[in-house]
Amino acid sequence: MALRITAAQMVAEARARIDEIETPDLIAMINDPNVVIVDIRDVRERQRSGYIPGSFHAPRGMIEFWVDPDSPYHKDIFAQDGKRYVFHCASGWRSALTVATLQDMGF
């Protein structure tokens, strides 16, 4: 079965239209009260590999629902005006797709 678009193509298209932050730049932002670091990795990855202190865990499978204020699963952390949200995962693939999807939603 041939797919119309591969996962790698989806990631490449997402990366072409989002802003990505390099690790040293994110490290410099860790103590900025206007930056919310969102870890979208699976809970087992966080347990195995650790996590960025102060980051907020939002599993990739729930992020659209947690961001949407009309969803019964909405989380208030995503309703903060003036905040810069930085989404991260292990490889940057999931975070690229997440950011592109959230931008499509108007977030």
Protein backbone atom coordinates (compact mmCIF):
# COMPACT_ATOMS: atom_id res chain seq x y z
CA MET A 1 0.00 0.00 0.00
CA ALA A 2 1.42 3.34 -1.02
CA LEU A 3 0.69 6.33 1.18
CA ARG A 4 -0.13 9.75 -0.29
CA ILE A 5 2.32 11.27 2.16
CA THR A 6 4.84 9.66 4.46
CA ALA A 7 5.49 10.53 8.08
CA ALA A 8 8.89 11.92 7.06
CA GLN A 9 7.23 14.16 4.47
CA MET A 10 4.72 15.38 7.05
CA VAL A 11 7.54 16.26 9.43
CA ALA A 12 9.49 18.04 6.67
CA GLU A 13 6.40 20.07 5.70
CA ALA A 14 5.76 20.96 9.34
CA ARG A 15 9.39 22.00 9.89
CA ALA A 16 9.23 24.24 6.83
CA ARG A 17 6.52 26.37 8.44
CA ILE A 18 7.33 26.44 12.14
CA ASP A 19 10.05 28.03 14.24
CA GLU A 20 12.42 25.54 15.81
CA ILE A 21 14.61 26.27 18.81
CA GLU A 22 18.05 24.76 19.29
CA THR A 23 18.91 23.21 22.65
CA PRO A 24 21.32 25.97 23.80
CA ASP A 25 18.66 28.59 23.07
CA LEU A 26 16.05 26.66 25.05
CA ILE A 27 18.47 26.28 27.96
CA ALA A 28 18.79 30.05 28.00
CA MET A 29 14.97 30.34 28.26
CA ILE A 30 14.43 27.88 31.11
CA ASN A 31 14.03 30.52 33.81
CA ASP A 32 11.96 32.92 31.70
CA PRO A 33 8.52 33.18 33.35
CA ASN A 34 6.97 33.90 29.95
CA VAL A 35 8.11 30.58 28.47
CA VAL A 36 6.17 27.36 28.99
CA ILE A 37 8.11 24.25 28.03
CA VAL A 38 5.73 21.46 27.07
CA ASP A 39 7.07 17.91 27.02
CA ILE A 40 4.93 15.83 24.66
CA ARG A 41 6.80 12.58 25.11
CA ASP A 42 5.20 9.45 26.47
CA VAL A 43 5.24 9.15 30.26
CA ARG A 44 7.54 6.12 29.98
CA GLU A 45 10.08 8.17 28.03
CA ARG A 46 10.06 10.79 30.75
CA GLN A 47 10.56 8.16 33.44
CA ARG A 48 13.37 6.51 31.49
CA SER A 49 15.18 9.63 30.22
CA GLY A 50 14.18 12.32 32.70
CA TYR A 51 12.64 15.67 31.88
CA ILE A 52 13.35 19.38 31.88
CA PRO A 53 12.71 20.78 35.38
CA GLY A 54 9.61 22.96 35.35
CA SER A 55 8.33 21.57 32.07
CA PHE A 56 4.67 20.69 31.69
CA HIS A 57 3.81 17.18 30.52
CA ALA A 58 1.14 16.99 27.83
CA PRO A 59 1.01 13.64 26.04
CA ARG A 60 1.06 13.98 22.25
CA GLY A 61 -2.22 12.11 21.92
CA MET A 62 -4.11 14.67 24.02
CA ILE A 63 -2.50 18.00 23.07
CA GLU A 64 -5.20 19.22 20.65
CA PHE A 65 -7.87 18.52 23.24
CA TRP A 66 -5.93 20.12 26.09
CA VAL A 67 -5.31 23.29 24.06
CA ASP A 68 -8.88 23.70 22.80
CA PRO A 69 -10.86 25.85 25.27
CA ASP A 70 -14.10 24.26 24.02
CA SER A 71 -12.89 20.74 24.79
CA PRO A 72 -13.94 19.04 28.03
CA TYR A 73 -10.25 18.14 28.41
CA HIS A 74 -8.94 21.72 28.18
CA LYS A 75 -6.05 22.61 30.51
CA ASP A 76 -5.80 26.16 31.84
CA ILE A 77 -2.03 26.23 31.30
CA PHE A 78 -2.75 26.66 27.58
CA ALA A 79 -4.98 29.70 28.13
CA GLN A 80 -2.25 32.04 29.36
CA ASP A 81 -1.92 35.22 27.29
CA GLY A 82 1.56 36.50 26.59
CA LYS A 83 3.25 33.15 27.06
CA ARG A 84 5.59 31.52 24.57
CA TYR A 85 5.02 27.79 24.36
CA VAL A 86 7.91 25.53 23.40
CA PHE A 87 6.98 21.93 22.61
CA HIS A 88 9.63 19.26 22.77
CA CYS A 89 10.08 15.54 22.25
CA ALA A 90 13.04 13.23 21.70
CA SER A 91 13.73 13.72 17.98
CA GLY A 92 11.78 16.85 17.12
CA TRP A 93 9.40 14.93 14.86
CA ARG A 94 6.41 14.82 17.18
CA SER A 95 6.96 18.39 18.31
CA ALA A 96 7.13 19.61 14.70
CA LEU A 97 3.82 17.94 13.88
CA THR A 98 2.32 19.22 17.12
CA VAL A 99 3.31 22.84 16.53
CA ALA A 100 2.10 22.77 12.91
CA THR A 101 -1.24 21.30 14.02
CA LEU A 102 -1.64 23.85 16.81
CA GLN A 103 -0.85 26.66 14.39
CA ASP A 104 -3.56 25.28 12.09
CA MET A 105 -5.92 25.46 15.08
CA GLY A 106 -5.00 29.11 15.64
CA PHE A 107 -2.98 28.56 18.79
